Amino acid sequence: MSGHNKWSTIKHKKEKTDAARGKIFTKIGREIAIAVREGGADPNNNNKLKDVIAKAKANNMPNDNIMRSIKKAAGEGEGANYKEVTYEGYAPGGVAVIVEVVTDNLNRTASEIRHIFDKCGGSLGNSGCVSYKFERKGVIEIDNEKGLDEDELMMLALDAGADDVEAGEDSAVIYTDPNDLSAVRDSLEAAGCTFLSVERAMVPTMTVEISDPEMAAKVQKLLDWLDDYDDTQNVFHDAELPEEEEEE
């Protein structure tokens, strides 16, 4: 099996320090608010909420925080009227970038996202300018703590209703039709799997290898700035960047 999943080279992940974890919890709280508003507070009757709860648990969000977010969203409150918006553009090197945001101020967010692209040498485009290079999929990353080989992982995933699996040494990424994400996740949970992440994602149909260190640094700078922006929920791109060395 390969040492790393291909997904790890195209999904933007940052170290989960306490500050970063707090920001992740805030973002997931917004996703919960939207899911509850759209489908109600009962995850058994709201697959979107069920998926967000699974994402929250995969990010080690405490149950108290999850329940508090659901109750707050279900109550009549003064909560902000959040909207989901997607921006598309290019990073340096022609790398396609999709940014999913949740905002209560569309004008502010559009202006600030454009500023980030411009400041980092990229360009914000029109809707549809890069999305054709991606497919919407359910993506589940599991911890391969049982040490299953690639064939065993494939059988496990297919039995659960998945479309494909990408195996690494310590984990595996399982791809599903986005509408099947909840059912596949439930089957994997029943099989005793430990989830590292659960999400609906934009997966590139082809990737662009960025081997030049200077260009890779420019791309990474834009991804970091977009990821750090408060309204950002997800950043997807089609670049294969050099692996970052882990600090001791």
C-alpha atoms as a PDB file:
ATOM      1  CA  MET A   1       0.000   0.000   0.000  1.00  0.00           C
ATOM      2  CA  SER A   2       1.126   3.533  -0.566  1.00  0.00           C
ATOM      3  CA  GLY A   3       2.490   5.426   2.380  1.00  0.00           C
ATOM      4  CA  HIS A   4      -0.023   8.245   2.110  1.00  0.00           C
ATOM      5  CA  ASN A   5      -3.515   8.648   0.751  1.00  0.00           C
ATOM      6  CA  LYS A   6      -3.794  10.793  -2.349  1.00  0.00           C
ATOM      7  CA  TRP A   7      -6.581  12.652  -0.531  1.00  0.00           C
ATOM      8  CA  SER A   8      -4.037  13.883   2.011  1.00  0.00           C
ATOM      9  CA  THR A   9      -2.163  15.715  -0.748  1.00  0.00           C
ATOM     10  CA  ILE A  10      -5.195  17.672  -1.943  1.00  0.00           C
ATOM     11  CA  LYS A  11      -7.113  18.267   1.280  1.00  0.00           C
ATOM     12  CA  HIS A  12      -5.906  21.282   3.207  1.00  0.00           C
ATOM     13  CA  LYS A  13      -5.275  20.188   6.799  1.00  0.00           C
ATOM     14  CA  LYS A  14      -3.752  22.262   9.580  1.00  0.00           C
ATOM     15  CA  GLU A  15      -2.453  21.258  12.966  1.00  0.00           C
ATOM     16  CA  LYS A  16      -5.253  21.213  15.524  1.00  0.00           C
ATOM     17  CA  THR A  17      -3.915  23.490  18.234  1.00  0.00           C
ATOM     18  CA  ASP A  18      -6.391  24.659  20.863  1.00  0.00           C
ATOM     19  CA  ALA A  19      -6.943  27.895  18.956  1.00  0.00           C
ATOM     20  CA  ALA A  20      -7.462  26.071  15.673  1.00  0.00           C
ATOM     21  CA  ARG A  21      -9.768  23.575  17.342  1.00  0.00           C
ATOM     22  CA  GLY A  22     -11.882  26.419  18.746  1.00  0.00           C
ATOM     23  CA  LYS A  23     -12.197  27.895  15.259  1.00  0.00           C
ATOM     24  CA  ILE A  24     -13.215  24.489  13.875  1.00  0.00           C
ATOM     25  CA  PHE A  25     -15.899  24.175  16.553  1.00  0.00           C
ATOM     26  CA  THR A  26     -17.242  27.626  15.659  1.00  0.00           C
ATOM     27  CA  LYS A  27     -17.436  26.668  11.983  1.00  0.00           C
ATOM     28  CA  ILE A  28     -19.160  23.378  12.736  1.00  0.00           C
ATOM     29  CA  GLY A  29     -21.608  25.264  14.958  1.00  0.00           C
ATOM     30  CA  ARG A  30     -22.590  27.368  11.946  1.00  0.00           C
ATOM     31  CA  GLU A  31     -23.084  24.228   9.862  1.00  0.00           C
ATOM     32  CA  ILE A  32     -25.322  22.826  12.602  1.00  0.00           C
ATOM     33  CA  ALA A  33     -27.364  26.055  12.605  1.00  0.00           C
ATOM     34  CA  ILE A  34     -27.963  25.839   8.860  1.00  0.00           C
ATOM     35  CA  ALA A  35     -28.768  22.110   8.980  1.00  0.00           C
ATOM     36  CA  VAL A  36     -31.291  22.614  11.800  1.00  0.00           C
ATOM     37  CA  ARG A  37     -32.875  25.566  10.024  1.00  0.00           C
ATOM     38  CA  GLU A  38     -33.277  23.539   6.821  1.00  0.00           C
ATOM     39  CA  GLY A  39     -34.362  20.169   8.219  1.00  0.00           C
ATOM     40  CA  GLY A  40     -35.154  20.390  11.915  1.00  0.00           C
ATOM     41  CA  ALA A  41     -33.347  19.439  15.121  1.00  0.00           C
ATOM     42  CA  ASP A  42     -33.821  15.656  14.981  1.00  0.00           C
ATOM     43  CA  PRO A  43     -30.822  13.994  13.271  1.00  0.00           C
ATOM     44  CA  ASN A  44     -32.896  10.837  12.703  1.00  0.00           C
ATOM     45  CA  ASN A  45     -35.052  12.845  10.314  1.00  0.00           C
ATOM     46  CA  ASN A  46     -32.356  15.216   9.050  1.00  0.00           C
ATOM     47  CA  ASN A  47     -29.469  13.576   7.213  1.00  0.00           C
ATOM     48  CA  LYS A  48     -27.638  16.874   6.783  1.00  0.00           C
ATOM     49  CA  LEU A  49     -27.629  17.399  10.543  1.00  0.00           C
ATOM     50  CA  LYS A  50     -26.627  13.769  11.063  1.00  0.00           C
ATOM     51  CA  ASP A  51     -23.637  14.278   8.764  1.00  0.00           C
ATOM     52  CA  VAL A  52     -22.587  17.483  10.538  1.00  0.00           C
ATOM     53  CA  ILE A  53     -22.786  15.717  13.913  1.00  0.00           C
ATOM     54  CA  ALA A  54     -20.539  12.954  12.539  1.00  0.00           C
ATOM     55  CA  LYS A  55     -18.113  15.633  11.327  1.00  0.00           C
ATOM     56  CA  ALA A  56     -18.221  17.266  14.762  1.00  0.00           C
ATOM     57  CA  LYS A  57     -17.427  13.982  16.502  1.00  0.00           C
ATOM     58  CA  ALA A  58     -14.597  13.232  14.063  1.00  0.00           C
ATOM     59  CA  ASN A  59     -13.130  16.605  15.097  1.00  0.00           C
ATOM     60  CA  ASN A  60     -13.514  15.693  18.801  1.00  0.00           C
ATOM     61  CA  MET A  61     -16.179  18.316  19.435  1.00  0.00           C
ATOM     62  CA  PRO A  62     -17.680  17.545  22.883  1.00  0.00           C
ATOM     63  CA  ASN A  63     -21.262  16.259  22.936  1.00  0.00           C
ATOM     64  CA  ASP A  64     -22.258  19.176  25.195  1.00  0.00           C
ATOM     65  CA  ASN A  65     -21.100  21.622  22.523  1.00  0.00           C
ATOM     66  CA  ILE A  66     -22.986  19.733  19.822  1.00  0.00           C
ATOM     67  CA  MET A  67     -26.234  19.629  21.802  1.00  0.00           C
ATOM     68  CA  ARG A  68     -25.887  23.294  22.789  1.00  0.00           C
ATOM     69  CA  SER A  69     -25.487  24.258  19.128  1.00  0.00           C
ATOM     70  CA  ILE A  70     -28.541  22.229  18.113  1.00  0.00           C
ATOM     71  CA  LYS A  71     -30.689  23.702  20.882  1.00  0.00           C
ATOM     72  CA  LYS A  72     -29.547  27.216  20.086  1.00  0.00           C
ATOM     73  CA  ALA A  73     -30.337  26.715  16.408  1.00  0.00           C
ATOM     74  CA  ALA A  74     -33.741  25.171  17.178  1.00  0.00           C
ATOM     75  CA  GLY A  75     -34.793  27.965  19.532  1.00  0.00           C
ATOM     76  CA  GLU A  76     -36.160  31.262  18.456  1.00  0.00           C
ATOM     77  CA  GLY A  77     -33.218  33.427  19.001  1.00  0.00           C
ATOM     78  CA  GLU A  78     -31.305  36.314  17.892  1.00  0.00           C
ATOM     79  CA  GLY A  79     -28.935  34.066  16.001  1.00  0.00           C
ATOM     80  CA  ALA A  80     -27.402  35.425  12.829  1.00  0.00           C
ATOM     81  CA  ASN A  81     -29.070  34.591   9.529  1.00  0.00           C
ATOM     82  CA  TYR A  82     -26.254  32.568   7.978  1.00  0.00           C
ATOM     83  CA  LYS A  83     -26.078  31.767   4.279  1.00  0.00           C
ATOM     84  CA  GLU A  84     -23.902  29.256   2.437  1.00  0.00           C
ATOM     85  CA  VAL A  85     -21.929  30.661  -0.507  1.00  0.00           C
ATOM     86  CA  THR A  86     -19.299  29.131  -2.789  1.00  0.00           C
ATOM     87  CA  TYR A  87     -16.466  31.067  -4.436  1.00  0.00           C
ATOM     88  CA  GLU A  88     -14.238  29.794  -7.230  1.00  0.00           C
ATOM     89  CA  GLY A  89     -10.896  30.967  -8.496  1.00  0.00           C
ATOM     90  CA  TYR A  90      -7.279  30.219  -9.219  1.00  0.00           C
ATOM     91  CA  ALA A  91      -4.189  30.128  -7.048  1.00  0.00           C
ATOM     92  CA  PRO A  92      -0.723  30.803  -8.493  1.00  0.00           C
ATOM     93  CA  GLY A  93       0.365  28.096 -10.919  1.00  0.00           C
ATOM     94  CA  GLY A  94      -3.132  27.665 -12.324  1.00  0.00           C
ATOM     95  CA  VAL A  95      -4.352  25.689  -9.318  1.00  0.00           C
ATOM     96  CA  ALA A  96      -8.150  25.543  -9.136  1.00  0.00           C
ATOM     97  CA  VAL A  97      -9.600  26.555  -5.773  1.00  0.00           C
ATOM     98  CA  ILE A  98     -13.117  26.284  -4.367  1.00  0.00           C
ATOM     99  CA  VAL A  99     -14.012  28.078  -1.122  1.00  0.00           C
ATOM    100  CA  GLU A 100     -17.205  27.285   0.752  1.00  0.00           C
ATOM    101  CA  VAL A 101     -18.227  29.942   3.258  1.00  0.00           C
ATOM    102  CA  VAL A 102     -21.007  30.596   5.721  1.00  0.00           C
ATOM    103  CA  THR A 103     -21.712  34.276   6.233  1.00  0.00           C
ATOM    104  CA  ASP A 104     -24.251  36.722   7.583  1.00  0.00           C
ATOM    105  CA  ASN A 105     -22.911  39.513   5.351  1.00  0.00           C
ATOM    106  CA  LEU A 106     -22.551  38.609   1.674  1.00  0.00           C
ATOM    107  CA  ASN A 107     -21.031  41.923   0.579  1.00  0.00           C
ATOM    108  CA  ARG A 108     -18.340  41.870   3.259  1.00  0.00           C
ATOM    109  CA  THR A 109     -17.385  38.271   2.590  1.00  0.00           C
ATOM    110  CA  ALA A 110     -17.223  38.674  -1.200  1.00  0.00           C
ATOM    111  CA  SER A 111     -14.955  41.692  -0.831  1.00  0.00           C
ATOM    112  CA  GLU A 112     -12.646  39.997   1.666  1.00  0.00           C
ATOM    113  CA  ILE A 113     -12.383  36.731  -0.279  1.00  0.00           C
ATOM    114  CA  ARG A 114     -11.456  38.720  -3.397  1.00  0.00           C
ATOM    115  CA  HIS A 115      -8.840  40.623  -1.380  1.00  0.00           C
ATOM    116  CA  ILE A 116      -7.260  37.369  -0.185  1.00  0.00           C
ATOM    117  CA  PHE A 117      -7.013  35.996  -3.734  1.00  0.00           C
ATOM    118  CA  ASP A 118      -5.511  39.258  -5.010  1.00  0.00           C
ATOM    119  CA  LYS A 119      -3.082  39.625  -2.098  1.00  0.00           C
ATOM    120  CA  CYS A 120      -1.740  36.090  -2.569  1.00  0.00           C
ATOM    121  CA  GLY A 121      -1.284  36.271  -6.341  1.00  0.00           C
ATOM    122  CA  GLY A 122      -4.442  34.395  -7.263  1.00  0.00           C
ATOM    123  CA  SER A 123      -7.603  35.473  -9.015  1.00  0.00           C
ATOM    124  CA  LEU A 124     -11.232  35.144  -7.991  1.00  0.00           C
ATOM    125  CA  GLY A 125     -13.386  33.951 -10.882  1.00  0.00           C
ATOM    126  CA  ASN A 126     -17.040  33.614 -11.723  1.00  0.00           C
ATOM    127  CA  SER A 127     -19.299  30.816 -10.556  1.00  0.00           C
ATOM    128  CA  GLY A 128     -18.520  27.662 -12.548  1.00  0.00           C
ATOM    129  CA  CYS A 129     -15.042  28.710 -13.640  1.00  0.00           C
ATOM    130  CA  VAL A 130     -13.365  25.749 -11.890  1.00  0.00           C
ATOM    131  CA  SER A 131     -16.143  23.602 -10.404  1.00  0.00           C
ATOM    132  CA  TYR A 132     -16.297  21.526 -13.594  1.00  0.00           C
ATOM    133  CA  LYS A 133     -12.898  20.142 -12.550  1.00  0.00           C
ATOM    134  CA  PHE A 134     -14.364  18.646  -9.388  1.00  0.00           C
ATOM    135  CA  GLU A 135     -16.981  16.105  -8.376  1.00  0.00           C
ATOM    136  CA  ARG A 136     -19.134  16.323  -5.263  1.00  0.00           C
ATOM    137  CA  LYS A 137     -18.557  13.190  -3.209  1.00  0.00           C
ATOM    138  CA  GLY A 138     -19.032  11.881   0.270  1.00  0.00           C
ATOM    139  CA  VAL A 139     -15.590  11.387   1.783  1.00  0.00           C
ATOM    140  CA  ILE A 140     -14.981   9.321   4.911  1.00  0.00           C
ATOM    141  CA  GLU A 141     -11.511   8.895   6.348  1.00  0.00           C
ATOM    142  CA  ILE A 142     -11.131   5.997   8.760  1.00  0.00           C
ATOM    143  CA  ASP A 143      -8.314   4.946  11.046  1.00  0.00           C
ATOM    144  CA  ASN A 144      -6.950   1.615   9.810  1.00  0.00           C
ATOM    145  CA  GLU A 145      -6.238   0.496  13.358  1.00  0.00           C
ATOM    146  CA  LYS A 146      -7.095  -3.104  12.446  1.00  0.00           C
ATOM    147  CA  GLY A 147      -4.244  -3.199   9.935  1.00  0.00           C
ATOM    148  CA  LEU A 148      -6.471  -4.328   7.052  1.00  0.00           C
ATOM    149  CA  ASP A 149      -4.788  -4.725   3.676  1.00  0.00           C
ATOM    150  CA  GLU A 150      -6.020  -2.962   0.553  1.00  0.00           C
ATOM    151  CA  ASP A 151      -8.295  -5.813  -0.571  1.00  0.00           C
ATOM    152  CA  GLU A 152      -9.869  -6.097   2.880  1.00  0.00           C
ATOM    153  CA  LEU A 153     -10.448  -2.355   3.027  1.00  0.00           C
ATOM    154  CA  MET A 154     -12.013  -2.442  -0.424  1.00  0.00           C
ATOM    155  CA  MET A 155     -14.395  -5.231   0.606  1.00  0.00           C
ATOM    156  CA  LEU A 156     -15.300  -3.385   3.814  1.00  0.00           C
ATOM    157  CA  ALA A 157     -16.056  -0.186   1.886  1.00  0.00           C
ATOM    158  CA  LEU A 158     -18.024  -1.850  -0.917  1.00  0.00           C
ATOM    159  CA  ASP A 159     -20.056  -3.896   1.552  1.00  0.00           C
ATOM    160  CA  ALA A 160     -20.982  -0.614   3.242  1.00  0.00           C
ATOM    161  CA  GLY A 161     -22.197   0.796  -0.082  1.00  0.00           C
ATOM    162  CA  ALA A 162     -19.190   2.944  -1.007  1.00  0.00           C
ATOM    163  CA  ASP A 163     -17.940   3.626  -4.531  1.00  0.00           C
ATOM    164  CA  ASP A 164     -14.184   3.472  -4.004  1.00  0.00           C
ATOM    165  CA  VAL A 165     -11.431   3.356  -1.390  1.00  0.00           C
ATOM    166  CA  GLU A 166      -7.928   4.798  -1.213  1.00  0.00           C
ATOM    167  CA  ALA A 167      -5.675   2.968   1.228  1.00  0.00           C
ATOM    168  CA  GLY A 168      -2.676   4.246   3.148  1.00  0.00           C
ATOM    169  CA  GLU A 169      -0.527   2.770   5.884  1.00  0.00           C
ATOM    170  CA  ASP A 170      -2.483   4.141   8.825  1.00  0.00           C
ATOM    171  CA  SER A 171      -5.783   5.233   7.324  1.00  0.00           C
ATOM    172  CA  ALA A 172      -8.102   4.809   4.375  1.00  0.00           C
ATOM    173  CA  VAL A 173     -10.288   7.266   2.489  1.00  0.00           C
ATOM    174  CA  ILE A 174     -13.665   5.962   1.356  1.00  0.00           C
ATOM    175  CA  TYR A 175     -15.614   7.717  -1.391  1.00  0.00           C
ATOM    176  CA  THR A 176     -19.389   7.577  -1.731  1.00  0.00           C
ATOM    177  CA  ASP A 177     -22.175   9.156  -3.684  1.00  0.00           C
ATOM    178  CA  PRO A 178     -22.974  12.274  -1.602  1.00  0.00           C
ATOM    179  CA  ASN A 179     -26.541  11.050  -1.109  1.00  0.00           C
ATOM    180  CA  ASP A 180     -25.249   7.761   0.317  1.00  0.00           C
ATOM    181  CA  LEU A 181     -22.847   9.335   2.823  1.00  0.00           C
ATOM    182  CA  SER A 182     -25.065   8.861   5.874  1.00  0.00           C
ATOM    183  CA  ALA A 183     -25.919   5.234   5.067  1.00  0.00           C
ATOM    184  CA  VAL A 184     -22.291   4.295   4.346  1.00  0.00           C
ATOM    185  CA  ARG A 185     -21.105   6.021   7.503  1.00  0.00           C
ATOM    186  CA  ASP A 186     -23.694   4.138   9.563  1.00  0.00           C
ATOM    187  CA  SER A 187     -22.581   0.812   8.053  1.00  0.00           C
ATOM    188  CA  LEU A 188     -18.928   1.547   8.756  1.00  0.00           C
ATOM    189  CA  GLU A 189     -19.768   2.590  12.310  1.00  0.00           C
ATOM    190  CA  ALA A 190     -21.626  -0.708  12.813  1.00  0.00           C
ATOM    191  CA  ALA A 191     -18.504  -2.498  11.531  1.00  0.00           C
ATOM    192  CA  GLY A 192     -16.471  -0.839  14.297  1.00  0.00           C
ATOM    193  CA  CYS A 193     -14.624   1.790  12.256  1.00  0.00           C
ATOM    194  CA  THR A 194     -13.059   4.850  13.881  1.00  0.00           C
ATOM    195  CA  PHE A 195     -13.635   8.022  11.858  1.00  0.00           C
ATOM    196  CA  LEU A 196     -10.966  10.653  11.265  1.00  0.00           C
ATOM    197  CA  SER A 197     -13.229  12.829   9.120  1.00  0.00           C
ATOM    198  CA  VAL A 198     -16.668  12.674   7.515  1.00  0.00           C
ATOM    199  CA  GLU A 199     -17.725  15.252   4.950  1.00  0.00           C
ATOM    200  CA  ARG A 200     -19.240  16.068   1.604  1.00  0.00           C
ATOM    201  CA  ALA A 201     -16.356  17.379  -0.441  1.00  0.00           C
ATOM    202  CA  MET A 202     -15.399  18.647  -3.867  1.00  0.00           C
ATOM    203  CA  VAL A 203     -12.887  16.087  -5.166  1.00  0.00           C
ATOM    204  CA  PRO A 204     -10.770  17.005  -8.215  1.00  0.00           C
ATOM    205  CA  THR A 205     -11.118  14.700 -11.221  1.00  0.00           C
ATOM    206  CA  MET A 206      -7.442  15.356 -12.025  1.00  0.00           C
ATOM    207  CA  THR A 207      -4.668  16.958  -9.990  1.00  0.00           C
ATOM    208  CA  VAL A 208      -1.917  19.428 -10.801  1.00  0.00           C
ATOM    209  CA  GLU A 209       1.497  18.542  -9.424  1.00  0.00           C
ATOM    210  CA  ILE A 210       3.326  21.553  -7.999  1.00  0.00           C
ATOM    211  CA  SER A 211       6.932  20.470  -7.485  1.00  0.00           C
ATOM    212  CA  ASP A 212       8.665  23.867  -7.534  1.00  0.00           C
ATOM    213  CA  PRO A 213       9.131  24.869  -3.858  1.00  0.00           C
ATOM    214  CA  GLU A 214       8.666  28.587  -4.517  1.00  0.00           C
ATOM    215  CA  MET A 215       5.412  28.066  -6.414  1.00  0.00           C
ATOM    216  CA  ALA A 216       4.216  25.546  -3.814  1.00  0.00           C
ATOM    217  CA  ALA A 217       4.832  28.141  -1.088  1.00  0.00           C
ATOM    218  CA  LYS A 218       2.728  30.713  -2.969  1.00  0.00           C
ATOM    219  CA  VAL A 219      -0.128  28.237  -3.364  1.00  0.00           C
ATOM    220  CA  GLN A 220       0.129  27.235   0.280  1.00  0.00           C
ATOM    221  CA  LYS A 221       0.026  30.875   1.373  1.00  0.00           C
ATOM    222  CA  LEU A 222      -3.284  31.426  -0.424  1.00  0.00           C
ATOM    223  CA  LEU A 223      -4.759  28.200   1.001  1.00  0.00           C
ATOM    224  CA  ASP A 224      -3.658  29.182   4.517  1.00  0.00           C
ATOM    225  CA  TRP A 225      -5.145  32.671   4.244  1.00  0.00           C
ATOM    226  CA  LEU A 226      -8.435  31.324   2.913  1.00  0.00           C
ATOM    227  CA  ASP A 227      -8.546  28.654   5.601  1.00  0.00           C
ATOM    228  CA  ASP A 228      -7.857  31.204   8.346  1.00  0.00           C
ATOM    229  CA  TYR A 229     -10.652  33.515   7.187  1.00  0.00           C
ATOM    230  CA  ASP A 230     -13.431  33.429   9.783  1.00  0.00           C
ATOM    231  CA  ASP A 231     -16.288  32.769   7.340  1.00  0.00           C
ATOM    232  CA  THR A 232     -14.553  29.884   5.535  1.00  0.00           C
ATOM    233  CA  GLN A 233     -15.968  26.411   6.052  1.00  0.00           C
ATOM    234  CA  ASN A 234     -13.993  24.415   3.483  1.00  0.00           C
ATOM    235  CA  VAL A 235     -11.191  24.961   0.993  1.00  0.00           C
ATOM    236  CA  PHE A 236     -10.786  22.502  -1.881  1.00  0.00           C
ATOM    237  CA  HIS A 237      -8.132  22.553  -4.605  1.00  0.00           C
ATOM    238  CA  ASP A 238      -6.605  20.345  -7.279  1.00  0.00           C
ATOM    239  CA  ALA A 239      -2.917  20.759  -6.399  1.00  0.00           C
ATOM    240  CA  GLU A 240      -0.580  18.002  -5.356  1.00  0.00           C
ATOM    241  CA  LEU A 241       1.831  19.853  -3.094  1.00  0.00           C
ATOM    242  CA  PRO A 242       5.038  18.592  -1.522  1.00  0.00           C
ATOM    243  CA  GLU A 243       4.396  16.977   1.856  1.00  0.00           C
ATOM    244  CA  GLU A 244       5.076  19.340   4.742  1.00  0.00           C
ATOM    245  CA  GLU A 245       7.671  18.054   7.180  1.00  0.00           C
ATOM    246  CA  GLU A 246       6.270  17.325  10.602  1.00  0.00           C
ATOM    247  CA  GLU A 247       7.815  19.243  13.467  1.00  0.00           C
ATOM    248  CA  GLU A 248       9.343  17.232  16.277  1.00  0.00           C
END
